[in-house]
Amino acid sequence: MPDPHANPPSPRPLRTMIAKDPAVRRRVGRAYAEFLAVLLVAVASLTALILWHLARRGRLIRQRLAQPRPISWPDPEPPGTIDRDRNGDQTETPS
């Protein structure tokens, strides 16, 4: 098994710059925050465009559909009347 202390990894340049100068740390932090803000705005705007597109597409599809046909629903039977099962047996509907 290789010795982990034999060849230590070299420190990254950005980390050494941040360690040497606190002003660099603030600039890097500000750049990182601005990047996250731009990313958040991009995701929010894409989400808004997708929702707008889906709503618009739904309206266009609905406009092209024919008007619904008039239908008449059967009157419901009052509770306690006798119905027929699928088998033809007469059962009383529970009230």
Protein backbone atom coordinates (compact mmCIF):
# COMPACT_ATOMS: atom_id res chain seq x y z
CA MET A 1 0.00 0.00 0.00
CA PRO A 2 1.51 3.36 -0.97
CA ASP A 3 2.41 5.82 1.76
CA PRO A 4 -0.02 8.80 1.63
CA HIS A 5 2.65 11.14 3.08
CA ALA A 6 5.32 10.20 0.52
CA ASN A 7 3.98 12.41 -2.30
CA PRO A 8 1.54 15.04 -0.94
CA PRO A 9 -0.67 16.73 -3.53
CA SER A 10 0.38 20.21 -4.52
CA PRO A 11 -1.87 22.98 -3.18
CA ARG A 12 -4.22 24.50 -5.69
CA PRO A 13 -3.32 28.00 -6.90
CA LEU A 14 -6.67 29.52 -6.00
CA ARG A 15 -6.47 28.18 -2.46
CA THR A 16 -3.01 29.62 -1.97
CA MET A 17 -4.11 33.02 -3.32
CA ILE A 18 -7.12 33.04 -0.98
CA ALA A 19 -4.93 32.06 1.96
CA LYS A 20 -2.44 34.88 1.24
CA ASP A 21 -4.88 37.75 0.62
CA PRO A 22 -8.33 38.22 2.26
CA ALA A 23 -9.36 40.65 -0.51
CA VAL A 24 -9.08 37.82 -3.02
CA ARG A 25 -11.36 35.75 -0.82
CA ARG A 26 -14.03 38.49 -0.93
CA ARG A 27 -13.70 38.83 -4.73
CA VAL A 28 -13.97 35.08 -5.25
CA GLY A 29 -16.95 34.92 -2.90
CA ARG A 30 -18.66 37.78 -4.73
CA ALA A 31 -17.98 36.14 -8.13
CA TYR A 32 -19.39 32.87 -6.83
CA ALA A 33 -22.52 34.61 -5.50
CA GLU A 34 -23.03 36.42 -8.81
CA PHE A 35 -22.65 33.15 -10.71
CA LEU A 36 -25.30 31.50 -8.50
CA ALA A 37 -27.61 34.50 -8.98
CA VAL A 38 -27.25 34.31 -12.77
CA LEU A 39 -27.89 30.57 -12.64
CA LEU A 40 -31.01 31.09 -10.52
CA VAL A 41 -32.36 33.74 -12.92
CA ALA A 42 -31.68 31.47 -15.89
CA VAL A 43 -33.50 28.51 -14.32
CA ALA A 44 -36.45 30.71 -13.27
CA SER A 45 -36.77 32.24 -16.74
CA LEU A 46 -36.61 28.84 -18.45
CA THR A 47 -39.29 27.55 -16.06
CA ALA A 48 -41.49 30.56 -16.84
CA LEU A 49 -41.03 30.04 -20.60
CA ILE A 50 -41.90 26.34 -20.33
CA LEU A 51 -45.05 27.06 -18.31
CA TRP A 52 -46.08 29.82 -20.75
CA HIS A 53 -45.53 27.48 -23.69
CA LEU A 54 -47.58 24.68 -22.13
CA ALA A 55 -50.46 27.02 -21.27
CA ARG A 56 -50.42 28.53 -24.79
CA ARG A 57 -50.27 25.09 -26.41
CA GLY A 58 -53.20 23.92 -24.29
CA ARG A 59 -55.27 26.96 -25.34
CA LEU A 60 -54.50 26.35 -29.01
CA ILE A 61 -55.44 22.67 -28.78
CA ARG A 62 -58.66 23.52 -26.94
CA GLN A 63 -59.62 26.09 -29.61
CA ARG A 64 -59.26 23.50 -32.37
CA LEU A 65 -61.48 20.95 -30.63
CA ALA A 66 -65.12 20.69 -31.59
CA GLN A 67 -67.78 21.88 -29.18
CA PRO A 68 -68.85 19.26 -26.67
CA ARG A 69 -71.94 17.31 -27.62
CA PRO A 70 -75.02 17.80 -25.48
CA ILE A 71 -75.74 14.73 -23.41
CA SER A 72 -78.52 13.84 -21.05
CA TRP A 73 -77.69 12.03 -17.85
CA PRO A 74 -80.16 9.45 -16.58
CA ASP A 75 -82.08 10.47 -13.50
CA PRO A 76 -80.71 8.76 -10.40
CA GLU A 77 -83.08 6.42 -8.69
CA PRO A 78 -84.10 7.37 -5.16
CA PRO A 79 -82.49 5.35 -2.37
CA GLY A 80 -84.32 2.25 -1.24
CA THR A 81 -85.57 1.25 -4.70
CA ILE A 82 -84.94 -2.17 -6.15
CA ASP A 83 -82.11 -2.45 -8.72
CA ARG A 84 -80.91 -5.32 -10.80
CA ASP A 85 -77.37 -6.64 -10.39
CA ARG A 86 -75.24 -7.71 -13.31
CA ASN A 87 -76.48 -11.22 -12.65
CA GLY A 88 -80.07 -10.08 -12.80
CA ASP A 89 -80.70 -10.62 -9.08
CA GLN A 90 -82.97 -8.12 -7.46
CA THR A 91 -81.34 -6.42 -4.49
CA GLU A 92 -82.39 -3.51 -2.43
CA THR A 93 -80.15 -0.46 -2.62
CA PRO A 94 -78.89 0.55 0.84
CA SER A 95 -80.13 3.94 2.00
